PDB file of N, CA and C in Angstrom:
ATOM      1  N   UNK A   1     146.035 131.300  88.799  1.00  0.00           N
ATOM      2  CA  UNK A   1     146.008 130.769  87.462  1.00  0.00           C
ATOM      3  C   UNK A   1     146.605 129.371  87.437  1.00  0.00           C
ATOM      4  N   UNK A   2     146.059 128.565  86.596  1.00  0.00           N
ATOM      5  CA  UNK A   2     146.579 127.206  86.459  1.00  0.00           C
ATOM      6  C   UNK A   2     147.679 127.200  85.408  1.00  0.00           C
ATOM      7  N   UNK A   3     148.790 126.609  85.762  1.00  0.00           N
ATOM      8  CA  UNK A   3     149.860 126.516  84.768  1.00  0.00           C
ATOM      9  C   UNK A   3     149.691 125.232  83.958  1.00  0.00           C
ATOM     10  N   UNK A   4     150.482 125.087  82.938  1.00  0.00           N
ATOM     11  CA  UNK A   4     150.334 123.958  82.026  1.00  0.00           C
ATOM     12  C   UNK A   4     150.681 122.631  82.697  1.00  0.00           C
ATOM     13  N   UNK A   5     151.516 122.673  83.732  1.00  0.00           N
ATOM     14  CA  UNK A   5     151.890 121.428  84.409  1.00  0.00           C
ATOM     15  C   UNK A   5     150.701 120.845  85.182  1.00  0.00           C
ATOM     16  N   UNK A   6     149.927 121.691  85.884  1.00  0.00           N
ATOM     17  CA  UNK A   6     148.780 121.187  86.634  1.00  0.00           C
ATOM     18  C   UNK A   6     147.685 120.684  85.691  1.00  0.00           C
ATOM     19  N   UNK A   7     147.532 121.341  84.558  1.00  0.00           N
ATOM     20  CA  UNK A   7     146.561 120.876  83.566  1.00  0.00           C
ATOM     21  C   UNK A   7     146.992 119.527  83.011  1.00  0.00           C
ATOM     22  N   UNK A   8     148.283 119.370  82.746  1.00  0.00           N
ATOM     23  CA  UNK A   8     148.784 118.108  82.212  1.00  0.00           C
ATOM     24  C   UNK A   8     148.618 116.978  83.226  1.00  0.00           C
ATOM     25  N   UNK A   9     148.851 117.264  84.508  1.00  0.00           N
ATOM     26  CA  UNK A   9     148.689 116.233  85.541  1.00  0.00           C
ATOM     27  C   UNK A   9     147.231 115.825  85.660  1.00  0.00           C
ATOM     28  N   UNK A  10     146.317 116.791  85.614  1.00  0.00           N
ATOM     29  CA  UNK A  10     144.892 116.464  85.687  1.00  0.00           C
ATOM     30  C   UNK A  10     144.459 115.651  84.473  1.00  0.00           C
ATOM     31  N   UNK A  11     144.913 116.043  83.314  1.00  0.00           N
ATOM     32  CA  UNK A  11     144.573 115.315  82.095  1.00  0.00           C
ATOM     33  C   UNK A  11     145.117 113.892  82.134  1.00  0.00           C
ATOM     34  N   UNK A  12     146.340 113.720  82.606  1.00  0.00           N
ATOM     35  CA  UNK A  12     146.912 112.377  82.726  1.00  0.00           C
ATOM     36  C   UNK A  12     146.113 111.535  83.721  1.00  0.00           C
ATOM     37  N   UNK A  13     145.640 112.151  84.790  1.00  0.00           N
ATOM     38  CA  UNK A  13     144.826 111.428  85.756  1.00  0.00           C
ATOM     39  C   UNK A  13     143.533 110.928  85.144  1.00  0.00           C
ATOM     40  N   UNK A  14     142.844 111.787  84.370  1.00  0.00           N
ATOM     41  CA  UNK A  14     141.608 111.363  83.714  1.00  0.00           C
ATOM     42  C   UNK A  14     141.868 110.260  82.693  1.00  0.00           C
ATOM     43  N   UNK A  15     142.958 110.370  81.958  1.00  0.00           N
ATOM     44  CA  UNK A  15     143.293 109.328  80.987  1.00  0.00           C
ATOM     45  C   UNK A  15     143.585 108.013  81.715  1.00  0.00           C
ATOM     46  N   UNK A  16     144.316 108.096  82.826  1.00  0.00           N
ATOM     47  CA  UNK A  16     144.624 106.897  83.605  1.00  0.00           C
ATOM     48  C   UNK A  16     143.336 106.225  84.089  1.00  0.00           C
ATOM     49  N   UNK A  17     142.394 107.016  84.603  1.00  0.00           N
ATOM     50  CA  UNK A  17     141.132 106.442  85.088  1.00  0.00           C
ATOM     51  C   UNK A  17     140.339 105.811  83.955  1.00  0.00           C
ATOM     52  N   UNK A  18     140.345 106.440  82.775  1.00  0.00           N
ATOM     53  CA  UNK A  18     139.575 105.909  81.652  1.00  0.00           C
ATOM     54  C   UNK A  18     140.198 104.626  81.104  1.00  0.00           C
ATOM     55  N   UNK A  19     141.528 104.587  81.029  1.00  0.00           N
ATOM     56  CA  UNK A  19     142.196 103.435  80.422  1.00  0.00           C
ATOM     57  C   UNK A  19     142.169 102.224  81.357  1.00  0.00           C
ATOM     58  N   UNK A  20     142.445 102.436  82.628  1.00  0.00           N
ATOM     59  CA  UNK A  20     142.582 101.312  83.545  1.00  0.00           C
ATOM     60  C   UNK A  20     141.308 100.988  84.318  1.00  0.00           C
ATOM     61  N   UNK A  21     140.220 101.706  84.058  1.00  0.00           N
ATOM     62  CA  UNK A  21     138.916 101.410  84.648  1.00  0.00           C
ATOM     63  C   UNK A  21     139.021 101.291  86.176  1.00  0.00           C
ATOM     64  N   UNK A  22     139.424 102.374  86.814  1.00  0.00           N
ATOM     65  CA  UNK A  22     139.617 102.362  88.268  1.00  0.00           C
ATOM     66  C   UNK A  22     138.310 102.543  89.029  1.00  0.00           C
ATOM     67  N   UNK A  23     137.203 102.692  88.356  1.00  0.00           N
ATOM     68  CA  UNK A  23     135.943 102.910  89.038  1.00  0.00           C
ATOM     69  C   UNK A  23     135.184 101.608  89.310  1.00  0.00           C
ATOM     70  N   UNK A  24     135.830 100.477  89.297  1.00  0.00           N
ATOM     71  CA  UNK A  24     135.151  99.214  89.528  1.00  0.00           C
ATOM     72  C   UNK A  24     134.620  99.104  90.950  1.00  0.00           C
ATOM     73  N   UNK A  25     135.220  99.797  91.894  1.00  0.00           N
ATOM     74  CA  UNK A  25     134.746  99.725  93.272  1.00  0.00           C
ATOM     75  C   UNK A  25     133.394 100.398  93.429  1.00  0.00           C
ATOM     76  N   UNK A  26     132.983 101.207  92.476  1.00  0.00           N
ATOM     77  CA  UNK A  26     131.720 101.925  92.571  1.00  0.00           C
ATOM     78  C   UNK A  26     130.544 101.128  92.024  1.00  0.00           C
ATOM     79  N   UNK A  27     130.794 100.026  91.370  1.00  0.00           N
ATOM     80  CA  UNK A  27     129.702  99.258  90.784  1.00  0.00           C
ATOM     81  C   UNK A  27     128.942  98.506  91.861  1.00  0.00           C
ATOM     82  N   UNK A  28     127.637  98.446  91.716  1.00  0.00           N
ATOM     83  CA  UNK A  28     126.790  97.741  92.672  1.00  0.00           C
ATOM     84  C   UNK A  28     126.691  96.270  92.294  1.00  0.00           C
ATOM     85  N   UNK A  29     126.631  95.405  93.269  1.00  0.00           N
ATOM     86  CA  UNK A  29     126.447  93.990  92.935  1.00  0.00           C
ATOM     87  C   UNK A  29     125.036  93.758  92.391  1.00  0.00           C
ATOM     88  N   UNK A  30     124.851  92.727  91.598  1.00  0.00           N
ATOM     89  CA  UNK A  30     123.507  92.477  91.057  1.00  0.00           C
ATOM     90  C   UNK A  30     122.530  92.153  92.179  1.00  0.00           C
ATOM     91  N   UNK A  31     121.339  92.669  92.064  1.00  0.00           N
ATOM     92  CA  UNK A  31     120.346  92.447  93.110  1.00  0.00           C
ATOM     93  C   UNK A  31     119.745  91.050  92.956  1.00  0.00           C
ATOM     94  N   UNK A  32     119.361  90.414  94.052  1.00  0.00           N
ATOM     95  CA  UNK A  32     118.809  89.068  93.970  1.00  0.00           C
ATOM     96  C   UNK A  32     117.416  89.030  93.352  1.00  0.00           C
ATOM     97  N   UNK A  33     116.679  90.113  93.447  1.00  0.00           N
ATOM     98  CA  UNK A  33     115.327  90.152  92.886  1.00  0.00           C
ATOM     99  C   UNK A  33     115.139  91.480  92.161  1.00  0.00           C
ATOM    100  N   UNK A  34     114.291  91.516  91.165  1.00  0.00           N
ATOM    101  CA  UNK A  34     114.063  92.782  90.469  1.00  0.00           C
ATOM    102  C   UNK A  34     113.335  93.774  91.376  1.00  0.00           C
ATOM    103  N   UNK A  35     113.584  95.048  91.119  1.00  0.00           N
ATOM    104  CA  UNK A  35     112.906  96.076  91.886  1.00  0.00           C
ATOM    105  C   UNK A  35     111.420  96.090  91.537  1.00  0.00           C
ATOM    106  N   UNK A  36     110.567  96.433  92.481  1.00  0.00           N
ATOM    107  CA  UNK A  36     109.138  96.500  92.152  1.00  0.00           C
ATOM    108  C   UNK A  36     108.876  97.618  91.147  1.00  0.00           C
ATOM    109  N   UNK A  37     107.975  97.360  90.231  1.00  0.00           N
ATOM    110  CA  UNK A  37     107.716  98.353  89.195  1.00  0.00           C
ATOM    111  C   UNK A  37     106.887  99.516  89.720  1.00  0.00           C
ATOM    112  N   UNK A  38     106.143  99.307  90.799  1.00  0.00           N
ATOM    113  CA  UNK A  38     105.315 100.371  91.349  1.00  0.00           C
ATOM    114  C   UNK A  38     105.314 100.228  92.858  1.00  0.00           C
ATOM    115  N   UNK A  39     105.765 101.264  93.541  1.00  0.00           N
ATOM    116  CA  UNK A  39     105.777 101.207  94.998  1.00  0.00           C
ATOM    117  C   UNK A  39     104.603 101.957  95.607  1.00  0.00           C
ATOM    118  N   UNK A  40     103.672 102.381  94.809  1.00  0.00           N
ATOM    119  CA  UNK A  40     102.492 103.080  95.307  1.00  0.00           C
ATOM    120  C   UNK A  40     102.634 104.584  95.308  1.00  0.00           C
ATOM    121  N   UNK A  41     103.825 105.085  95.071  1.00  0.00           N
ATOM    122  CA  UNK A  41     104.020 106.536  95.102  1.00  0.00           C
ATOM    123  C   UNK A  41     103.277 107.219  93.960  1.00  0.00           C
ATOM    124  N   UNK A  42     103.240 106.594  92.797  1.00  0.00           N
ATOM    125  CA  UNK A  42     102.550 107.207  91.663  1.00  0.00           C
ATOM    126  C   UNK A  42     101.043 107.245  91.906  1.00  0.00           C
ATOM    127  N   UNK A  43     100.515 106.213  92.520  1.00  0.00           N
ATOM    128  CA  UNK A  43      99.088 106.193  92.830  1.00  0.00           C
ATOM    129  C   UNK A  43      98.761 107.261  93.859  1.00  0.00           C
ATOM    130  N   UNK A  44      99.581 107.384  94.882  1.00  0.00           N
ATOM    131  CA  UNK A  44      99.370 108.416  95.897  1.00  0.00           C
ATOM    132  C   UNK A  44      99.443 109.809  95.287  1.00  0.00           C
ATOM    133  N   UNK A  45     100.385 110.011  94.401  1.00  0.00           N
ATOM    134  CA  UNK A  45     100.523 111.319  93.759  1.00  0.00           C
ATOM    135  C   UNK A  45      99.305 111.619  92.885  1.00  0.00           C
ATOM    136  N   UNK A  46      98.791 110.619  92.186  1.00  0.00           N
ATOM    137  CA  UNK A  46      97.601 110.814  91.358  1.00  0.00           C
ATOM    138  C   UNK A  46      96.383 111.174  92.187  1.00  0.00           C
ATOM    139  N   UNK A  47      96.224 110.500  93.319  1.00  0.00           N
ATOM    140  CA  UNK A  47      95.102 110.817  94.210  1.00  0.00           C
ATOM    141  C   UNK A  47      95.256 112.226  94.769  1.00  0.00           C
ATOM    142  N   UNK A  48      96.463 112.613  95.113  1.00  0.00           N
ATOM    143  CA  UNK A  48      96.699 113.960  95.638  1.00  0.00           C
ATOM    144  C   UNK A  48      96.374 115.014  94.590  1.00  0.00           C
ATOM    145  N   UNK A  49      96.753 114.793  93.329  1.00  0.00           N
ATOM    146  CA  UNK A  49      96.435 115.751  92.270  1.00  0.00           C
ATOM    147  C   UNK A  49      94.927 115.838  92.049  1.00  0.00           C
ATOM    148  N   UNK A  50      94.252 114.710  92.107  1.00  0.00           N
ATOM    149  CA  UNK A  50      92.799 114.705  91.942  1.00  0.00           C
ATOM    150  C   UNK A  50      92.123 115.489  93.061  1.00  0.00           C
ATOM    151  N   UNK A  51      92.532 115.264  94.302  1.00  0.00           N
ATOM    152  CA  UNK A  51      91.958 115.998  95.424  1.00  0.00           C
ATOM    153  C   UNK A  51      92.265 117.491  95.336  1.00  0.00           C
ATOM    154  N   UNK A  52      93.436 117.826  94.859  1.00  0.00           N
ATOM    155  CA  UNK A  52      93.786 119.226  94.682  1.00  0.00           C
ATOM    156  C   UNK A  52      92.902 119.886  93.637  1.00  0.00           C
ATOM    157  N   UNK A  53      92.638 119.193  92.547  1.00  0.00           N
ATOM    158  CA  UNK A  53      91.773 119.737  91.501  1.00  0.00           C
ATOM    159  C   UNK A  53      90.342 119.897  92.006  1.00  0.00           C
ATOM    160  N   UNK A  54      89.853 118.947  92.796  1.00  0.00           N
ATOM    161  CA  UNK A  54      88.504 119.043  93.368  1.00  0.00           C
ATOM    162  C   UNK A  54      88.421 120.229  94.320  1.00  0.00           C
ATOM    163  N   UNK A  55      89.431 120.408  95.159  1.00  0.00           N
ATOM    164  CA  UNK A  55      89.424 121.537  96.089  1.00  0.00           C
ATOM    165  C   UNK A  55      89.455 122.860  95.336  1.00  0.00           C
ATOM    166  N   UNK A  56      90.213 122.936  94.261  1.00  0.00           N
ATOM    167  CA  UNK A  56      90.267 124.154  93.464  1.00  0.00           C
ATOM    168  C   UNK A  56      88.917 124.444  92.807  1.00  0.00           C
ATOM    169  N   UNK A  57      88.265 123.399  92.291  1.00  0.00           N
ATOM    170  CA  UNK A  57      86.956 123.583  91.664  1.00  0.00           C
ATOM    171  C   UNK A  57      85.921 124.043  92.692  1.00  0.00           C
ATOM    172  N   UNK A  58      85.945 123.469  93.877  1.00  0.00           N
ATOM    173  CA  UNK A  58      85.005 123.873  94.922  1.00  0.00           C
ATOM    174  C   UNK A  58      85.256 125.325  95.321  1.00  0.00           C
ATOM    175  N   UNK A  59      86.506 125.709  95.420  1.00  0.00           N
ATOM    176  CA  UNK A  59      86.839 127.091  95.765  1.00  0.00           C
ATOM    177  C   UNK A  59      86.306 128.055  94.711  1.00  0.00           C
ATOM    178  N   UNK A  60      86.492 127.726  93.434  1.00  0.00           N
ATOM    179  CA  UNK A  60      85.982 128.603  92.382  1.00  0.00           C
ATOM    180  C   UNK A  60      84.460 128.651  92.390  1.00  0.00           C
ATOM    181  N   UNK A  61      83.807 127.535  92.658  1.00  0.00           N
ATOM    182  CA  UNK A  61      82.342 127.532  92.724  1.00  0.00           C
ATOM    183  C   UNK A  61      81.842 128.396  93.873  1.00  0.00           C
ATOM    184  N   UNK A  62      82.481 128.317  95.022  1.00  0.00           N
ATOM    185  CA  UNK A  62      82.077 129.138  96.171  1.00  0.00           C
ATOM    186  C   UNK A  62      82.277 130.614  95.850  1.00  0.00           C
ATOM    187  N   UNK A  63      83.412 130.943  95.231  1.00  0.00           N
ATOM    188  CA  UNK A  63      83.645 132.346  94.866  1.00  0.00           C
ATOM    189  C   UNK A  63      82.626 132.825  93.844  1.00  0.00           C
ATOM    190  N   UNK A  64      82.268 132.001  92.873  1.00  0.00           N
ATOM    191  CA  UNK A  64      81.283 132.363  91.877  1.00  0.00           C
ATOM    192  C   UNK A  64      79.920 132.584  92.515  1.00  0.00           C
ATOM    193  N   UNK A  65      79.533 131.715  93.417  1.00  0.00           N
ATOM    194  CA  UNK A  65      78.242 131.866  94.114  1.00  0.00           C
ATOM    195  C   UNK A  65      78.240 133.133  94.953  1.00  0.00           C
ATOM    196  N   UNK A  66      79.315 133.413  95.662  1.00  0.00           N
ATOM    197  CA  UNK A  66      79.382 134.625  96.470  1.00  0.00           C
ATOM    198  C   UNK A  66      79.316 135.884  95.610  1.00  0.00           C
ATOM    199  N   UNK A  67      79.953 135.860  94.440  1.00  0.00           N
ATOM    200  CA  UNK A  67      79.900 137.030  93.566  1.00  0.00           C
ATOM    201  C   UNK A  67      78.508 137.239  92.977  1.00  0.00           C
ATOM    202  N   UNK A  68      77.791 136.149  92.696  1.00  0.00           N
ATOM    203  CA  UNK A  68      76.441 136.271  92.144  1.00  0.00           C
ATOM    204  C   UNK A  68      75.435 136.729  93.195  1.00  0.00           C
ATOM    205  N   UNK A  69      75.651 136.316  94.444  1.00  0.00           N
ATOM    206  CA  UNK A  69      74.726 136.676  95.515  1.00  0.00           C
ATOM    207  C   UNK A  69      74.921 138.141  95.922  1.00  0.00           C
ATOM    208  N   UNK A  70      76.170 138.565  95.959  1.00  0.00           N
ATOM    209  CA  UNK A  70      76.442 139.946  96.391  1.00  0.00           C
ATOM    210  C   UNK A  70      76.258 140.829  95.223  1.00  0.00           C
TER     211      UNK A  70
END
């Protein structure tokens, strides 16, 4: 069980971090150039979804033809 002293120490630590802004070492420096808006991953994902849908449609058509023939 946590006693009131350990809770008070933790609370004081969080207050200290919030008041004195000790997280400045975690900030990233500004980048020299903006990040690219599109790295091609979205296009690749779209093509993959399209091919997946085509494969699914072909599979259903083959199953439908096999059921009608048999």
